[in-house]
Amino acid sequence: PIRYSTPTCRPLREEGELCRPESAPVNTTLSYPDGSQIEITGVQWVICPCQPGLICTRGSGVCSRSEINDNTFNSLNDFI
């Protein structure tokens, strides 16, 4: 097993997959035993966000379609 983290790209979460509600990207510096460091910016910690058009629901932490993206409202005129 690898003891120190290695930055890895993963696909965005699909509908029905677990997610982390209100997760925000972070900037941090990773340090290694040999003294080297890597600065990473705008990365997600532990779990990737949902794909575009999906939201991470607070209660269940599952990616699901948002009402707005399901065409519940077709235009701004629907609000007026």
PDB file of N, CA and C in Angstrom:
ATOM      1  N   PRO A   1       0.821  -1.200   0.000  1.00  0.00           N
ATOM      2  CA  PRO A   1       0.000   0.000   0.000  1.00  0.00           C
ATOM      3  C   PRO A   1       0.865   1.264   0.000  1.00  0.00           C
ATOM      4  N   ILE A   2       0.334   2.315  -0.596  1.00  0.00           N
ATOM      5  CA  ILE A   2       1.020   3.599  -0.647  1.00  0.00           C
ATOM      6  C   ILE A   2       0.642   4.405   0.591  1.00  0.00           C
ATOM      7  N   ARG A   3       1.647   4.866   1.326  1.00  0.00           N
ATOM      8  CA  ARG A   3       1.379   5.600   2.555  1.00  0.00           C
ATOM      9  C   ARG A   3       1.065   7.061   2.279  1.00  0.00           C
ATOM     10  N   TYR A   4       1.687   7.633   1.264  1.00  0.00           N
ATOM     11  CA  TYR A   4       1.493   9.049   0.958  1.00  0.00           C
ATOM     12  C   TYR A   4       0.597   9.182  -0.266  1.00  0.00           C
ATOM     13  N   SER A   5      -0.215  10.221  -0.248  1.00  0.00           N
ATOM     14  CA  SER A   5      -1.198  10.383  -1.314  1.00  0.00           C
ATOM     15  C   SER A   5      -0.554  10.754  -2.643  1.00  0.00           C
ATOM     16  N   THR A   6      -1.203  10.316  -3.696  1.00  0.00           N
ATOM     17  CA  THR A   6      -0.819  10.662  -5.053  1.00  0.00           C
ATOM     18  C   THR A   6      -2.049  11.267  -5.715  1.00  0.00           C
ATOM     19  N   PRO A   7      -1.969  12.507  -6.204  1.00  0.00           N
ATOM     20  CA  PRO A   7      -3.141  13.104  -6.863  1.00  0.00           C
ATOM     21  C   PRO A   7      -3.610  12.230  -8.020  1.00  0.00           C
ATOM     22  N   THR A   8      -4.907  12.007  -8.099  1.00  0.00           N
ATOM     23  CA  THR A   8      -5.488  11.135  -9.105  1.00  0.00           C
ATOM     24  C   THR A   8      -6.757  11.758  -9.669  1.00  0.00           C
ATOM     25  N   CYS A   9      -6.926  11.708 -10.979  1.00  0.00           N
ATOM     26  CA  CYS A   9      -8.165  12.172 -11.610  1.00  0.00           C
ATOM     27  C   CYS A   9      -9.162  11.021 -11.632  1.00  0.00           C
ATOM     28  N   ARG A  10     -10.384  11.336 -11.317  1.00  0.00           N
ATOM     29  CA  ARG A  10     -11.464  10.350 -11.330  1.00  0.00           C
ATOM     30  C   ARG A  10     -12.642  10.935 -12.102  1.00  0.00           C
ATOM     31  N   PRO A  11     -13.514  10.091 -12.649  1.00  0.00           N
ATOM     32  CA  PRO A  11     -14.688  10.624 -13.346  1.00  0.00           C
ATOM     33  C   PRO A  11     -15.664  11.269 -12.365  1.00  0.00           C
ATOM     34  N   LEU A  12     -16.442  12.237 -12.864  1.00  0.00           N
ATOM     35  CA  LEU A  12     -17.480  12.842 -12.035  1.00  0.00           C
ATOM     36  C   LEU A  12     -18.528  11.789 -11.719  1.00  0.00           C
ATOM     37  N   ARG A  13     -19.189  11.945 -10.576  1.00  0.00           N
ATOM     38  CA  ARG A  13     -20.165  10.961 -10.105  1.00  0.00           C
ATOM     39  C   ARG A  13     -21.415  10.973 -10.979  1.00  0.00           C
ATOM     40  N   GLU A  14     -21.997   9.811 -11.181  1.00  0.00           N
ATOM     41  CA  GLU A  14     -23.200   9.663 -11.999  1.00  0.00           C
ATOM     42  C   GLU A  14     -24.442   9.632 -11.119  1.00  0.00           C
ATOM     43  N   GLU A  15     -25.597   9.740 -11.757  1.00  0.00           N
ATOM     44  CA  GLU A  15     -26.863   9.714 -11.032  1.00  0.00           C
ATOM     45  C   GLU A  15     -26.960   8.434 -10.199  1.00  0.00           C
ATOM     46  N   GLY A  16     -27.326   8.591  -8.923  1.00  0.00           N
ATOM     47  CA  GLY A  16     -27.474   7.459  -8.019  1.00  0.00           C
ATOM     48  C   GLY A  16     -26.217   7.117  -7.237  1.00  0.00           C
ATOM     49  N   GLU A  17     -25.082   7.719  -7.594  1.00  0.00           N
ATOM     50  CA  GLU A  17     -23.841   7.436  -6.872  1.00  0.00           C
ATOM     51  C   GLU A  17     -23.707   8.351  -5.656  1.00  0.00           C
ATOM     52  N   LEU A  18     -22.959   7.882  -4.660  1.00  0.00           N
ATOM     53  CA  LEU A  18     -22.741   8.669  -3.452  1.00  0.00           C
ATOM     54  C   LEU A  18     -21.903   9.902  -3.751  1.00  0.00           C
ATOM     55  N   CYS A  19     -22.166  10.972  -3.000  1.00  0.00           N
ATOM     56  CA  CYS A  19     -21.430  12.224  -3.156  1.00  0.00           C
ATOM     57  C   CYS A  19     -21.313  12.887  -1.786  1.00  0.00           C
ATOM     58  N   ARG A  20     -20.572  13.969  -1.734  1.00  0.00           N
ATOM     59  CA  ARG A  20     -20.387  14.704  -0.481  1.00  0.00           C
ATOM     60  C   ARG A  20     -21.109  16.050  -0.605  1.00  0.00           C
ATOM     61  N   PRO A  21     -22.271  16.218   0.072  1.00  0.00           N
ATOM     62  CA  PRO A  21     -23.027  17.472  -0.030  1.00  0.00           C
ATOM     63  C   PRO A  21     -22.192  18.688   0.363  1.00  0.00           C
ATOM     64  N   GLU A  22     -22.376  19.761  -0.389  1.00  0.00           N
ATOM     65  CA  GLU A  22     -21.732  21.048  -0.130  1.00  0.00           C
ATOM     66  C   GLU A  22     -20.203  20.964  -0.096  1.00  0.00           C
ATOM     67  N   SER A  23     -19.646  20.006  -0.798  1.00  0.00           N
ATOM     68  CA  SER A  23     -18.192  19.882  -0.879  1.00  0.00           C
ATOM     69  C   SER A  23     -17.648  20.989  -1.774  1.00  0.00           C
ATOM     70  N   ALA A  24     -16.621  21.657  -1.313  1.00  0.00           N
ATOM     71  CA  ALA A  24     -16.012  22.734  -2.090  1.00  0.00           C
ATOM     72  C   ALA A  24     -14.580  22.350  -2.461  1.00  0.00           C
ATOM     73  N   PRO A  25     -14.110  22.801  -3.614  1.00  0.00           N
ATOM     74  CA  PRO A  25     -12.723  22.528  -3.994  1.00  0.00           C
ATOM     75  C   PRO A  25     -11.749  23.151  -2.994  1.00  0.00           C
ATOM     76  N   VAL A  26     -10.598  22.518  -2.831  1.00  0.00           N
ATOM     77  CA  VAL A  26      -9.588  23.017  -1.891  1.00  0.00           C
ATOM     78  C   VAL A  26      -8.259  23.242  -2.606  1.00  0.00           C
ATOM     79  N   ASN A  27      -7.436  24.084  -2.014  1.00  0.00           N
ATOM     80  CA  ASN A  27      -6.047  24.290  -2.426  1.00  0.00           C
ATOM     81  C   ASN A  27      -5.182  23.809  -1.268  1.00  0.00           C
ATOM     82  N   THR A  28      -4.151  23.034  -1.558  1.00  0.00           N
ATOM     83  CA  THR A  28      -3.294  22.532  -0.489  1.00  0.00           C
ATOM     84  C   THR A  28      -1.917  22.162  -1.046  1.00  0.00           C
ATOM     85  N   THR A  29      -1.003  21.885  -0.162  1.00  0.00           N
ATOM     86  CA  THR A  29       0.331  21.429  -0.544  1.00  0.00           C
ATOM     87  C   THR A  29       0.542  20.033   0.024  1.00  0.00           C
ATOM     88  N   LEU A  30       0.910  19.103  -0.844  1.00  0.00           N
ATOM     89  CA  LEU A  30       1.218  17.739  -0.410  1.00  0.00           C
ATOM     90  C   LEU A  30       2.722  17.648  -0.196  1.00  0.00           C
ATOM     91  N   SER A  31       3.124  17.086   0.944  1.00  0.00           N
ATOM     92  CA  SER A  31       4.552  16.947   1.278  1.00  0.00           C
ATOM     93  C   SER A  31       4.922  15.475   1.372  1.00  0.00           C
ATOM     94  N   TYR A  32       6.135  15.151   0.944  1.00  0.00           N
ATOM     95  CA  TYR A  32       6.605  13.777   0.916  1.00  0.00           C
ATOM     96  C   TYR A  32       7.885  13.636   1.734  1.00  0.00           C
ATOM     97  N   PRO A  33       8.208  12.405   2.183  1.00  0.00           N
ATOM     98  CA  PRO A  33       9.367  12.184   3.060  1.00  0.00           C
ATOM     99  C   PRO A  33      10.700  12.661   2.478  1.00  0.00           C
ATOM    100  N   ASP A  34      10.826  12.678   1.159  1.00  0.00           N
ATOM    101  CA  ASP A  34      12.090  13.114   0.559  1.00  0.00           C
ATOM    102  C   ASP A  34      12.210  14.640   0.503  1.00  0.00           C
ATOM    103  N   GLY A  35      11.220  15.344   1.054  1.00  0.00           N
ATOM    104  CA  GLY A  35      11.237  16.802   1.085  1.00  0.00           C
ATOM    105  C   GLY A  35      10.547  17.458  -0.096  1.00  0.00           C
ATOM    106  N   SER A  36      10.150  16.674  -1.073  1.00  0.00           N
ATOM    107  CA  SER A  36       9.460  17.262  -2.223  1.00  0.00           C
ATOM    108  C   SER A  36       8.033  17.652  -1.839  1.00  0.00           C
ATOM    109  N   GLN A  37       7.513  18.614  -2.569  1.00  0.00           N
ATOM    110  CA  GLN A  37       6.158  19.098  -2.327  1.00  0.00           C
ATOM    111  C   GLN A  37       5.453  19.313  -3.658  1.00  0.00           C
ATOM    112  N   ILE A  38       4.131  19.166  -3.637  1.00  0.00           N
ATOM    113  CA  ILE A  38       3.293  19.441  -4.804  1.00  0.00           C
ATOM    114  C   ILE A  38       2.170  20.356  -4.343  1.00  0.00           C
ATOM    115  N   GLU A  39       2.015  21.495  -5.007  1.00  0.00           N
ATOM    116  CA  GLU A  39       0.881  22.374  -4.724  1.00  0.00           C
ATOM    117  C   GLU A  39      -0.258  21.977  -5.652  1.00  0.00           C
ATOM    118  N   ILE A  40      -1.426  21.733  -5.074  1.00  0.00           N
ATOM    119  CA  ILE A  40      -2.598  21.397  -5.876  1.00  0.00           C
ATOM    120  C   ILE A  40      -3.676  22.440  -5.597  1.00  0.00           C
ATOM    121  N   THR A  41      -4.403  22.814  -6.631  1.00  0.00           N
ATOM    122  CA  THR A  41      -5.434  23.845  -6.483  1.00  0.00           C
ATOM    123  C   THR A  41      -6.741  23.392  -7.112  1.00  0.00           C
ATOM    124  N   GLY A  42      -7.837  23.791  -6.482  1.00  0.00           N
ATOM    125  CA  GLY A  42      -9.164  23.507  -7.012  1.00  0.00           C
ATOM    126  C   GLY A  42      -9.492  22.040  -7.111  1.00  0.00           C
ATOM    127  N   VAL A  43      -9.044  21.254  -6.142  1.00  0.00           N
ATOM    128  CA  VAL A  43      -9.288  19.810  -6.179  1.00  0.00           C
ATOM    129  C   VAL A  43     -10.343  19.409  -5.146  1.00  0.00           C
ATOM    130  N   GLN A  44     -11.003  18.308  -5.419  1.00  0.00           N
ATOM    131  CA  GLN A  44     -11.975  17.753  -4.480  1.00  0.00           C
ATOM    132  C   GLN A  44     -11.252  16.786  -3.564  1.00  0.00           C
ATOM    133  N   TRP A  45     -11.655  16.755  -2.311  1.00  0.00           N
ATOM    134  CA  TRP A  45     -11.037  15.900  -1.314  1.00  0.00           C
ATOM    135  C   TRP A  45     -11.871  14.650  -1.146  1.00  0.00           C
ATOM    136  N   VAL A  46     -11.313  13.490  -1.310  1.00  0.00           N
ATOM    137  CA  VAL A  46     -11.886  12.171  -1.085  1.00  0.00           C
ATOM    138  C   VAL A  46     -12.846  11.728  -2.186  1.00  0.00           C
ATOM    139  N   ILE A  47     -13.850  12.528  -2.535  1.00  0.00           N
ATOM    140  CA  ILE A  47     -14.856  12.069  -3.488  1.00  0.00           C
ATOM    141  C   ILE A  47     -15.170  13.172  -4.495  1.00  0.00           C
ATOM    142  N   CYS A  48     -15.338  12.797  -5.746  1.00  0.00           N
ATOM    143  CA  CYS A  48     -15.588  13.767  -6.819  1.00  0.00           C
ATOM    144  C   CYS A  48     -17.023  14.284  -6.776  1.00  0.00           C
ATOM    145  N   PRO A  49     -17.244  15.472  -7.339  1.00  0.00           N
ATOM    146  CA  PRO A  49     -18.601  16.019  -7.397  1.00  0.00           C
ATOM    147  C   PRO A  49     -19.438  15.308  -8.464  1.00  0.00           C
ATOM    148  N   CYS A  50     -20.714  15.639  -8.496  1.00  0.00           N
ATOM    149  CA  CYS A  50     -21.645  15.065  -9.473  1.00  0.00           C
ATOM    150  C   CYS A  50     -21.414  15.660 -10.860  1.00  0.00           C
ATOM    151  N   GLN A  51     -21.833  14.923 -11.873  1.00  0.00           N
ATOM    152  CA  GLN A  51     -21.755  15.400 -13.247  1.00  0.00           C
ATOM    153  C   GLN A  51     -22.641  16.627 -13.430  1.00  0.00           C
ATOM    154  N   PRO A  52     -22.371  17.451 -14.460  1.00  0.00           N
ATOM    155  CA  PRO A  52     -23.240  18.597 -14.746  1.00  0.00           C
ATOM    156  C   PRO A  52     -24.689  18.142 -14.920  1.00  0.00           C
ATOM    157  N   GLY A  53     -25.620  18.925 -14.387  1.00  0.00           N
ATOM    158  CA  GLY A  53     -27.034  18.576 -14.457  1.00  0.00           C
ATOM    159  C   GLY A  53     -27.517  17.780 -13.261  1.00  0.00           C
ATOM    160  N   LEU A  54     -26.583  17.363 -12.394  1.00  0.00           N
ATOM    161  CA  LEU A  54     -26.943  16.623 -11.186  1.00  0.00           C
ATOM    162  C   LEU A  54     -26.569  17.447  -9.970  1.00  0.00           C
ATOM    163  N   ILE A  55     -27.272  17.218  -8.867  1.00  0.00           N
ATOM    164  CA  ILE A  55     -26.938  17.865  -7.604  1.00  0.00           C
ATOM    165  C   ILE A  55     -26.706  16.795  -6.550  1.00  0.00           C
ATOM    166  N   CYS A  56     -25.933  17.134  -5.542  1.00  0.00           N
ATOM    167  CA  CYS A  56     -25.692  16.221  -4.427  1.00  0.00           C
ATOM    168  C   CYS A  56     -26.697  16.568  -3.334  1.00  0.00           C
ATOM    169  N   THR A  57     -27.659  15.696  -3.110  1.00  0.00           N
ATOM    170  CA  THR A  57     -28.713  15.976  -2.139  1.00  0.00           C
ATOM    171  C   THR A  57     -28.173  15.923  -0.717  1.00  0.00           C
ATOM    172  N   ARG A  58     -28.601  16.883   0.088  1.00  0.00           N
ATOM    173  CA  ARG A  58     -28.109  16.974   1.472  1.00  0.00           C
ATOM    174  C   ARG A  58     -28.485  15.765   2.316  1.00  0.00           C
ATOM    175  N   GLY A  59     -29.720  15.349   2.265  1.00  0.00           N
ATOM    176  CA  GLY A  59     -30.192  14.281   3.137  1.00  0.00           C
ATOM    177  C   GLY A  59     -29.551  12.933   2.876  1.00  0.00           C
ATOM    178  N   SER A  60     -29.448  12.563   1.601  1.00  0.00           N
ATOM    179  CA  SER A  60     -28.968  11.216   1.279  1.00  0.00           C
ATOM    180  C   SER A  60     -27.534  11.171   0.775  1.00  0.00           C
ATOM    181  N   GLY A  61     -26.982  12.314   0.346  1.00  0.00           N
ATOM    182  CA  GLY A  61     -25.631  12.311  -0.207  1.00  0.00           C
ATOM    183  C   GLY A  61     -25.535  11.476  -1.462  1.00  0.00           C
ATOM    184  N   VAL A  62     -26.540  11.623  -2.340  1.00  0.00           N
ATOM    185  CA  VAL A  62     -26.593  10.877  -3.592  1.00  0.00           C
ATOM    186  C   VAL A  62     -26.796  11.866  -4.740  1.00  0.00           C
ATOM    187  N   CYS A  63     -26.105  11.664  -5.850  1.00  0.00           N
ATOM    188  CA  CYS A  63     -26.280  12.519  -7.030  1.00  0.00           C
ATOM    189  C   CYS A  63     -27.654  12.270  -7.644  1.00  0.00           C
ATOM    190  N   SER A  64     -28.401  13.354  -7.858  1.00  0.00           N
ATOM    191  CA  SER A  64     -29.722  13.232  -8.476  1.00  0.00           C
ATOM    192  C   SER A  64     -29.975  14.440  -9.362  1.00  0.00           C
ATOM    193  N   ARG A  65     -30.963  14.317 -10.231  1.00  0.00           N
ATOM    194  CA  ARG A  65     -31.303  15.413 -11.139  1.00  0.00           C
ATOM    195  C   ARG A  65     -31.939  16.550 -10.356  1.00  0.00           C
ATOM    196  N   SER A  66     -31.551  17.770 -10.700  1.00  0.00           N
ATOM    197  CA  SER A  66     -32.172  18.921 -10.053  1.00  0.00           C
ATOM    198  C   SER A  66     -33.470  19.237 -10.771  1.00  0.00           C
ATOM    199  N   GLU A  67     -34.400  19.883 -10.060  1.00  0.00           N
ATOM    200  CA  GLU A  67     -35.694  20.215 -10.658  1.00  0.00           C
ATOM    201  C   GLU A  67     -35.524  21.146 -11.843  1.00  0.00           C
ATOM    202  N   ILE A  68     -34.627  22.106 -11.735  1.00  0.00           N
ATOM    203  CA  ILE A  68     -34.441  23.070 -12.818  1.00  0.00           C
ATOM    204  C   ILE A  68     -33.908  22.365 -14.057  1.00  0.00           C
ATOM    205  N   ASN A  69     -32.986  21.432 -13.897  1.00  0.00           N
ATOM    206  CA  ASN A  69     -32.437  20.723 -15.046  1.00  0.00           C
ATOM    207  C   ASN A  69     -33.401  19.706 -15.632  1.00  0.00           C
ATOM    208  N   ASP A  70     -34.466  19.376 -14.912  1.00  0.00           N
ATOM    209  CA  ASP A  70     -35.487  18.473 -15.441  1.00  0.00           C
ATOM    210  C   ASP A  70     -36.555  19.234 -16.205  1.00  0.00           C
ATOM    211  N   ASN A  71     -36.276  20.509 -16.535  1.00  0.00           N
ATOM    212  CA  ASN A  71     -37.195  21.356 -17.285  1.00  0.00           C
ATOM    213  C   ASN A  71     -38.495  21.620 -16.548  1.00  0.00           C
ATOM    214  N   THR A  72     -38.461  21.639 -15.218  1.00  0.00           N
ATOM    215  CA  THR A  72     -39.632  22.028 -14.445  1.00  0.00           C
ATOM    216  C   THR A  72     -40.017  23.454 -14.819  1.00  0.00           C
ATOM    217  N   PHE A  73     -39.020  24.303 -15.036  1.00  0.00           N
ATOM    218  CA  PHE A  73     -39.241  25.682 -15.453  1.00  0.00           C
ATOM    219  C   PHE A  73     -38.611  25.840 -16.828  1.00  0.00           C
ATOM    220  N   ASN A  74     -39.418  26.220 -17.806  1.00  0.00           N
ATOM    221  CA  ASN A  74     -38.916  26.335 -19.166  1.00  0.00           C
ATOM    222  C   ASN A  74     -38.282  27.678 -19.469  1.00  0.00           C
ATOM    223  N   SER A  75     -38.643  28.703 -18.716  1.00  0.00           N
ATOM    224  CA  SER A  75     -38.054  30.018 -18.941  1.00  0.00           C
ATOM    225  C   SER A  75     -38.280  30.879 -17.714  1.00  0.00           C
ATOM    226  N   LEU A  76     -37.663  32.049 -17.707  1.00  0.00           N
ATOM    227  CA  LEU A  76     -37.868  32.977 -16.596  1.00  0.00           C
ATOM    228  C   LEU A  76     -39.311  33.434 -16.517  1.00  0.00           C
ATOM    229  N   ASN A  77     -40.043  33.389 -17.629  1.00  0.00           N
ATOM    230  CA  ASN A  77     -41.451  33.794 -17.620  1.00  0.00           C
ATOM    231  C   ASN A  77     -42.293  32.901 -16.713  1.00  0.00           C
ATOM    232  N   ASP A  78     -41.844  31.675 -16.469  1.00  0.00           N
ATOM    233  CA  ASP A  78     -42.578  30.772 -15.575  1.00  0.00           C
ATOM    234  C   ASP A  78     -42.593  31.289 -14.145  1.00  0.00           C
ATOM    235  N   PHE A  79     -41.638  32.149 -13.792  1.00  0.00           N
ATOM    236  CA  PHE A  79     -41.558  32.688 -12.441  1.00  0.00           C
ATOM    237  C   PHE A  79     -42.386  33.951 -12.274  1.00  0.00           C
ATOM    238  N   ILE A  80     -42.754  34.609 -13.392  1.00  0.00           N
ATOM    239  CA  ILE A  80     -43.416  35.926 -13.326  1.00  0.00           C
ATOM    240  C   ILE A  80     -44.915  35.783 -13.330  1.00  0.00           C
TER     241      ILE A  80
END
